[in-house]
Each structure stands twice: as C-alpha cells, then as structure tokens.
Protein backbone atom coordinates (compact mmCIF):
# COMPACT_ATOMS: atom_id res chain seq x y z
CA MET A 1 30.03 -29.96 5.17
CA SER A 2 29.14 -32.66 7.67
CA ASP A 3 27.76 -30.14 10.19
CA ASP A 4 25.26 -28.79 7.66
CA VAL A 5 21.57 -28.89 8.47
CA ILE A 6 19.09 -29.35 5.63
CA GLN A 7 15.58 -27.92 5.81
CA ARG A 8 12.95 -28.78 3.21
CA LEU A 9 9.88 -26.65 2.56
CA SER A 10 6.86 -27.53 0.42
CA VAL A 11 6.19 -25.20 -2.50
CA GLU A 12 3.19 -27.10 -3.80
CA GLY A 13 0.83 -24.82 -5.72
CA VAL A 14 3.45 -22.08 -6.14
CA ASP A 15 4.52 -20.73 -9.52
CA PRO A 16 8.26 -21.58 -9.57
CA LEU A 17 9.13 -18.46 -11.59
CA ALA A 18 7.17 -16.18 -9.23
CA LEU A 19 9.11 -17.58 -6.29
CA ALA A 20 12.58 -18.09 -7.75
CA GLY A 21 12.67 -15.10 -10.10
CA VAL A 22 14.36 -14.86 -13.47
CA ASN A 23 17.45 -17.10 -13.54
CA ASP A 24 16.78 -18.03 -9.89
CA ALA A 25 17.76 -14.47 -8.86
CA ASN A 26 15.59 -14.56 -5.71
CA LEU A 27 17.03 -17.85 -4.50
CA LEU A 28 20.58 -16.65 -5.18
CA GLU A 29 19.86 -13.47 -3.20
CA LEU A 30 18.45 -15.49 -0.30
CA ALA A 31 21.53 -17.73 -0.30
CA ARG A 32 23.90 -14.76 -0.48
CA ARG A 33 22.26 -12.78 2.28
CA LEU A 34 21.91 -15.61 4.79
CA GLY A 35 24.94 -17.74 3.96
CA VAL A 36 23.07 -20.89 2.95
CA ARG A 37 22.66 -23.04 -0.14
CA VAL A 38 19.22 -23.05 -1.71
CA SER A 39 17.79 -25.33 -4.37
CA LEU A 40 14.33 -25.74 -5.85
CA ARG A 41 13.41 -29.20 -7.15
CA GLY A 42 9.83 -29.98 -8.04
CA ASP A 43 7.59 -29.14 -5.09
CA THR A 44 10.43 -28.87 -2.59
CA LEU A 45 12.68 -25.97 -1.64
CA SER A 46 15.82 -27.20 0.14
CA ILE A 47 18.01 -25.02 2.34
CA ALA A 48 21.40 -26.22 3.60
CA GLY A 49 23.86 -24.55 5.95
CA SER A 50 24.63 -24.09 9.62
CA ALA A 51 21.78 -24.68 12.04
CA ALA A 52 21.35 -20.96 12.85
CA ALA A 53 21.58 -19.82 9.23
CA THR A 54 19.22 -22.54 8.04
CA GLU A 55 16.64 -21.64 10.68
CA ARG A 56 16.70 -17.98 9.65
CA ALA A 57 16.61 -18.80 5.95
CA GLY A 58 13.72 -21.21 6.52
CA THR A 59 11.62 -18.48 8.16
CA VAL A 60 12.39 -16.05 5.33
CA ALA A 61 11.80 -18.67 2.64
CA GLN A 62 8.41 -19.62 4.13
CA ALA A 63 7.34 -15.97 4.09
CA LEU A 64 8.40 -15.72 0.43
CA ILE A 65 6.56 -18.95 -0.40
CA ASP A 66 3.41 -17.57 1.25
CA LEU A 67 3.66 -14.38 -0.84
CA ALA A 68 4.20 -16.35 -4.07
CA ARG A 69 1.29 -18.66 -3.22
CA MET A 70 -0.97 -15.59 -3.00
CA GLY A 71 -0.04 -14.63 -6.56
CA GLU A 72 2.83 -12.20 -5.93
CA ASN A 73 5.67 -12.09 -8.44
CA LEU A 74 8.71 -11.63 -6.23
CA ASP A 75 12.00 -9.94 -6.98
CA VAL A 76 15.29 -9.44 -5.13
CA HIS A 77 13.92 -6.34 -3.38
CA ASP A 78 11.20 -8.50 -1.82
CA VAL A 79 13.87 -10.93 -0.62
CA GLU A 80 15.85 -8.07 0.92
CA ARG A 81 12.76 -6.65 2.63
CA VAL A 82 11.65 -10.00 4.07
CA VAL A 83 15.20 -10.68 5.34
CA ALA A 84 15.12 -7.26 7.05
CA ASP A 85 11.70 -8.02 8.57
CA GLU A 86 13.01 -11.33 9.91
CA ALA A 87 16.01 -9.59 11.46
CA GLN A 88 13.64 -7.25 13.29
CA GLY A 89 11.50 -10.14 14.51
CA GLU A 90 8.47 -8.98 12.52
CA LEU A 91 7.80 -12.02 10.35
CA ALA A 92 6.14 -14.52 12.63
CA GLU A 93 4.34 -11.79 14.55
CA GLY A 94 3.11 -10.11 11.39
CA ARG A 95 1.85 -13.29 9.77
CA GLN A 96 -0.18 -14.20 12.82
CA ALA A 97 -1.46 -10.70 13.47
CA ALA A 98 -4.16 -10.48 10.82
CA PRO A 99 -6.84 -13.07 10.08
CA PRO A 100 -6.58 -14.66 6.61
CA ASP A 101 -9.58 -12.83 5.12
CA LEU A 102 -7.91 -9.47 5.74
CA VAL A 103 -4.50 -10.20 4.30
CA LYS A 104 -5.51 -10.44 0.68
CA ILE A 105 -7.73 -8.70 -1.83
CA ILE A 106 -8.80 -10.72 -4.85
CA LEU A 107 -9.36 -8.31 -7.70
CA PRO A 108 -12.27 -8.92 -10.07
CA GLY A 109 -11.40 -9.47 -13.71
CA LEU A 110 -7.68 -9.93 -13.07
CA ARG A 111 -5.91 -13.15 -12.22
CA ARG A 112 -4.02 -11.68 -9.32
CA VAL A 113 -4.23 -11.01 -5.63
CA ILE A 114 -3.11 -7.93 -3.73
CA GLN A 115 -1.91 -8.48 -0.22
CA PRO A 116 0.16 -6.53 2.28
CA LYS A 117 3.87 -7.21 2.19
CA THR A 118 4.81 -5.83 5.61
CA ALA A 119 3.42 -5.89 9.15
CA GLY A 120 2.57 -2.19 8.87
CA GLN A 121 0.61 -2.74 5.67
CA ARG A 122 -1.31 -5.57 7.34
CA GLU A 123 -2.30 -3.24 10.17
CA TYR A 124 -3.32 -0.63 7.58
CA LEU A 125 -5.64 -3.01 5.72
CA ARG A 126 -7.07 -4.23 9.00
CA ALA A 127 -7.78 -0.62 10.03
CA ILE A 128 -9.57 0.01 6.71
CA ALA A 129 -11.73 -3.07 7.33
CA ASP A 130 -12.55 -2.06 10.92
CA HIS A 131 -13.17 1.70 10.68
CA ASP A 132 -15.38 4.05 8.67
CA ILE A 133 -12.59 6.62 8.46
CA VAL A 134 -8.90 5.70 8.35
CA ILE A 135 -6.02 8.17 8.28
CA GLY A 136 -2.88 6.50 6.90
CA ILE A 137 0.31 8.48 7.51
CA GLY A 138 3.75 7.50 6.24
CA PRO A 139 6.52 8.12 3.73
CA ALA A 140 6.50 7.53 -0.02
CA GLY A 141 6.52 3.95 -1.23
CA THR A 142 4.67 2.39 1.70
CA GLY A 143 1.58 1.49 -0.34
CA LYS A 144 -0.79 3.96 1.35
CA THR A 145 -2.64 4.92 -1.82
CA TYR A 146 -2.26 1.61 -3.63
CA LEU A 147 -3.76 -0.49 -0.83
CA ALA A 148 -6.55 2.02 -0.25
CA VAL A 149 -7.52 1.90 -3.93
CA ALA A 150 -7.41 -1.92 -3.79
CA ALA A 151 -9.75 -1.89 -0.78
CA ALA A 152 -12.08 0.49 -2.63
CA VAL A 153 -12.18 -1.68 -5.76
CA ASP A 154 -12.86 -4.70 -3.55
CA ALA A 155 -15.72 -2.91 -1.75
CA LEU A 156 -17.24 -1.89 -5.10
CA ALA A 157 -16.95 -5.43 -6.51
CA ARG A 158 -18.67 -6.84 -3.41
CA LYS A 159 -21.40 -4.19 -3.74
CA ARG A 160 -20.63 -2.81 -0.30
CA VAL A 161 -20.58 0.65 -1.91
CA ARG A 162 -22.05 1.95 -5.15
CA ARG A 163 -19.16 4.16 -6.20
CA ILE A 164 -15.55 5.12 -5.63
CA ILE A 165 -14.44 8.73 -5.31
CA LEU A 166 -10.73 9.57 -5.45
CA ALA A 167 -9.62 13.09 -4.62
CA ARG A 168 -6.36 15.00 -4.38
CA PRO A 169 -5.61 18.61 -3.51
CA ALA A 170 -4.05 20.23 -6.59
CA VAL A 171 -1.79 22.30 -4.39
CA GLU A 172 0.81 23.06 -7.06
CA ALA A 173 -1.82 25.10 -8.88
CA GLY A 174 -3.37 26.43 -5.71
CA GLU A 175 -6.55 24.61 -6.79
CA ASN A 176 -7.03 27.53 -9.16
CA LEU A 177 -6.73 25.59 -12.39
CA GLY A 178 -7.95 28.26 -14.78
CA PHE A 179 -4.54 29.39 -16.01
CA LEU A 180 -3.49 25.89 -17.08
CA PRO A 181 -3.92 24.98 -20.76
CA GLY A 182 -6.61 22.59 -22.03
CA ASP A 183 -10.08 21.52 -20.89
CA LEU A 184 -10.88 20.58 -17.30
CA GLN A 185 -9.74 16.99 -17.72
CA GLU A 186 -6.41 18.04 -19.21
CA LYS A 187 -5.94 20.64 -16.46
CA VAL A 188 -6.33 18.21 -13.58
CA ASP A 189 -4.77 15.09 -15.12
CA PRO A 190 -1.18 15.81 -13.97
CA TYR A 191 -2.33 15.90 -10.33
CA LEU A 192 -4.63 12.89 -10.56
CA ARG A 193 -2.57 10.61 -12.83
CA PRO A 194 -1.20 8.48 -9.94
CA LEU A 195 -4.79 7.58 -8.99
CA TYR A 196 -5.57 6.55 -12.58
CA ASP A 197 -2.39 4.45 -12.59
CA ALA A 198 -3.37 2.65 -9.39
CA LEU A 199 -6.86 1.93 -10.73
CA GLU A 200 -5.60 0.64 -14.06
CA ASP A 201 -3.28 -1.71 -12.22
CA MET A 202 -6.29 -3.29 -10.51
CA MET A 203 -9.02 -3.27 -13.15
CA PRO A 204 -8.99 -3.90 -16.90
CA ARG A 205 -8.58 -0.54 -18.62
CA GLU A 206 -11.89 -0.80 -20.48
CA ARG A 207 -13.69 -1.41 -17.19
CA VAL A 208 -12.02 1.64 -15.67
CA GLN A 209 -13.11 3.77 -18.63
CA LYS A 210 -16.70 2.52 -18.42
CA ALA A 211 -16.80 3.17 -14.66
CA LEU A 212 -15.51 6.72 -15.21
CA GLU A 213 -18.11 7.35 -17.91
CA THR A 214 -20.96 6.15 -15.69
CA ARG A 215 -19.46 8.00 -12.69
CA THR A 216 -19.26 4.75 -10.74
CA ILE A 217 -15.67 5.90 -10.25
CA GLU A 218 -14.92 9.59 -9.99
CA ILE A 219 -11.45 11.16 -9.85
CA ALA A 220 -11.43 14.84 -9.05
CA PRO A 221 -9.51 17.64 -7.33
CA LEU A 222 -10.49 18.10 -3.68
CA ALA A 223 -12.01 21.51 -4.44
CA TYR A 224 -14.76 19.80 -6.47
CA MET A 225 -16.06 17.98 -3.38
CA ARG A 226 -17.46 21.20 -1.90
CA GLY A 227 -21.23 21.27 -1.40
CA ARG A 228 -21.76 17.56 -2.06
CA THR A 229 -22.99 14.71 0.11
CA LEU A 230 -21.26 11.42 -0.61
CA ASN A 231 -23.58 8.47 0.07
CA ASP A 232 -22.81 4.76 -0.55
CA ALA A 233 -19.25 5.67 -1.49
CA PHE A 234 -15.68 4.63 -0.77
CA VAL A 235 -13.84 7.95 -0.73
CA ILE A 236 -10.05 8.33 -0.80
CA LEU A 237 -8.30 11.61 -0.15
CA ASP A 238 -4.72 11.23 -1.33
CA GLU A 239 -1.77 13.54 -0.57
CA ALA A 240 -3.82 14.92 2.32
CA GLN A 241 -0.83 16.75 3.79
CA ASN A 242 -1.48 19.41 1.13
CA ALA A 243 -5.12 19.95 2.09
CA THR A 244 -5.68 23.00 4.27
CA GLY A 245 -7.52 22.67 7.57
CA MET A 246 -10.65 24.17 5.98
CA GLN A 247 -10.49 21.77 3.03
CA MET A 248 -10.01 18.79 5.35
CA LYS A 249 -13.04 19.74 7.43
CA MET A 250 -15.05 20.21 4.23
CA PHE A 251 -13.99 16.76 3.02
CA LEU A 252 -14.73 14.95 6.28
CA THR A 253 -18.18 16.52 6.55
CA ARG A 254 -19.11 15.36 3.02
CA LEU A 255 -19.47 11.74 4.16
CA GLY A 256 -23.03 10.45 3.95
CA VAL A 257 -24.88 7.24 4.73
CA ASN A 258 -22.96 3.98 4.17
CA SER A 259 -19.78 5.77 3.18
CA ARG A 260 -16.22 5.17 4.29
CA ALA A 261 -13.10 7.23 3.76
CA VAL A 262 -9.37 6.68 3.67
CA ILE A 263 -7.12 9.71 4.02
CA THR A 264 -3.47 9.27 3.10
CA GLY A 265 -0.56 11.62 3.55
CA ASP A 266 3.12 12.13 4.21
CA LYS A 267 3.96 14.77 6.84
CA THR A 268 7.46 15.21 5.39
CA GLN A 269 6.11 16.40 2.01
CA ILE A 270 3.89 19.35 2.89
CA ASP A 271 3.93 21.82 -0.03
CA LEU A 272 1.69 24.47 1.55
CA PRO A 273 3.32 27.89 2.13
CA ASN A 274 2.74 27.49 5.88
CA ARG A 275 3.32 23.95 7.12
CA GLU A 276 0.97 24.44 10.09
CA ASP A 277 -1.95 25.03 7.70
CA SER A 278 -1.90 21.32 6.78
CA GLY A 279 -5.24 19.65 7.47
CA LEU A 280 -3.41 16.38 8.03
CA LEU A 281 -1.51 17.81 10.99
CA GLN A 282 -4.77 19.22 12.32
CA VAL A 283 -6.75 15.96 12.22
CA GLU A 284 -3.82 14.21 13.83
CA ARG A 285 -4.24 16.58 16.79
CA ILE A 286 -8.02 16.67 17.14
CA LEU A 287 -9.50 13.37 15.87
CA PRO A 288 -7.70 10.57 17.80
CA GLY A 289 -10.03 8.89 20.27
CA ILE A 290 -13.20 9.28 18.20
CA GLU A 291 -14.83 5.86 17.77
CA GLY A 292 -14.91 4.75 14.13
CA ILE A 293 -11.80 6.75 13.16
CA GLY A 294 -8.54 4.83 12.91
CA PHE A 295 -5.01 6.17 12.59
CA CYS A 296 -2.37 3.97 10.99
CA TYR A 297 1.31 4.94 10.90
CA LEU A 298 3.59 3.40 8.29
CA SER A 299 7.36 3.83 8.42
CA ASP A 300 10.41 3.36 6.23
CA ALA A 301 10.28 -0.33 7.25
CA ASP A 302 7.08 -0.58 5.16
CA VAL A 303 8.62 0.82 1.96
CA VAL A 304 8.08 -1.66 -0.86
CA ARG A 305 9.67 0.27 -3.71
CA HIS A 306 13.31 0.01 -4.72
CA ARG A 307 15.50 -0.77 -1.68
CA LEU A 308 17.24 2.61 -2.06
CA VAL A 309 13.95 4.43 -1.35
CA ARG A 310 14.06 3.16 2.23
CA ASP A 311 17.65 4.35 2.64
CA ILE A 312 16.85 7.75 1.07
CA ILE A 313 13.90 8.30 3.43
CA ARG A 314 16.08 7.45 6.44
CA ALA A 315 18.85 9.78 5.24
CA TYR A 316 16.43 12.69 4.89
CA ALA A 317 14.91 11.94 8.33
CA GLU A 318 18.36 11.93 9.93
CA ASP A 319 19.27 15.19 8.21
CA ALA A 320 16.05 16.83 9.44
CA GLN A 321 16.83 15.79 13.00
CA GLY A 322 20.31 16.97 13.08
C-alpha cells in the first residue's frame, strides 16, 4: 500500500536461524502479532506496514536482534514475550536499566551466552552482582534458579570464589531420608536433580562430574549444611519456601569469609504443614533494610517458559484472591 512505512534494521553478526527460527517462524509470528510484513535479506531486516505498527514492530525486532546477537536461539514464545514487554512499555526502559557487563554471562567451555530476557531478570542479575545475599522471590519459570546457577558458574570461572554449593530442603521426605531406597546419592537425587540439570546446561558434563568429585561443586540437602562454615563459596538455597525458620537461620549463619548467597523461592508453593513456618516468609519480614542483603521480586511477566505457564500462574493467583 502507498501509505506503508518501511523500516530497515541491521542484523550484521546475527545468526539468521537464531533470529528467524525454523522456517522463519519467529518472523511470521512477529508479522502476525503486529500486523506488519517482515523480510530478512542478507544483513537487513525489513519491516513494512502502517507508521504506528512499523514503529512498534521495529522496537520489538531490535530487542529480538539484540537477544540473537548475544547468542540466544529464539522461538515464537520469545517473540510473544517481547511483544508483551513492548506493550507494557518495558523494552526501552529495561534495555537501558542495566550496564552491558551485567546483562550477560559468558559461560566457560560452551559457545553460548546467558543473559536476562526480561526487565525483572535484569534487576535480579544486577542484585546478585551488587549484594552478598540476594533473596529472589517469584513464580515458577522466571529463571530464579537458572540465573543464580549461571552467576555462580561465572564467579567460579573468574576465580571470585573457590567452590559452588547448591542446597535444597528435601521437604517431601521431611529431610529424614533414611526410609528411601538406595545409597545417600540415590536418596537425595530426586530432590536435587533440577540443580544438576541447570549445571549441566552451563558446563560440559565431564567438567561437572570432575567438579563434583573434587567437591569444587557440592549439591546437597539443606540439612547437610548444619555445623559447617562456608568460606570462599557461592551458595544457592533453592526452593527456600520449604525451609523452616530454624533451617533458614542455620543456612544464613553458615556464610563465611568471601562468600555470597542467593536464596530462591516461590511463596505460592509452600509444602510445609504450616505455611507460617516458612523461613522465606520470615526473612521477608525481618531482613529488609540490612545493608548487603537484596530482595528481588519476579512476577508472571518474567516467566520465560511456555506462554501458557504465565497464563496458568495468573489464573491460580486470581482464584486465590477470589
């Protein structure tokens, strides 16, 4: 149409498949959602449509290009999420909010980069960089554990710490693991498997195994932290909503010299018999305002799993309220 505006964006240095997706699925999704025509030719992404639609699509496309340039392989869910962020006015603000050195983690041994995909995740990584203890609270799928493990692997690779310790309360077994079949490793594996999965996504498997053997990386139930002092360590307590107040205090007082901790949890998934026993709820009441401790709240807007996860979380939240 004669009234169409054409905007051209440079995609130099970007893997075309990472940006466009299989069979150009990402570009087709962008065009469908914003009512524009999109084409990728060489180092140029062209967007055509009405002035308003083209301006919106250009902002979204630039955000997608930036993600692809950092090594992200995008899919249609990423397109949907970035379109939603643009609609809420979060894109430009989020991209400018964090300095470049805090928005990406280059993982050793792997040809990939991990970076936050939402404004909330950027604030989370910034908090981890700026505080010795960070408490990240939010629903499933917001990257709380994944980004914390990435920050820990990065700190280990840069020799800022000498070891990584990952802990989870094994609440389903009441931390009394004796009645479960198998040796200790087999007993605790079901509770700790998500931490292994995150690690193996960020380090070659053989390097993970070697680090576990040398105890450079330790993955253990929270109960096994008792009586220890954790020096020169990056410590992550995952699923902290299921730690009791006593366990949480025990964990926090384990930190030694040159150690940092990230505590992650979801207040909507407390499995303790009495919800008020949750150590996560307790620290949320008593620790804000202490210098060196940062609280970061992620929301359903930061969910980076399947698009339905965001809708499911919202539906449960609405049901709980009414």
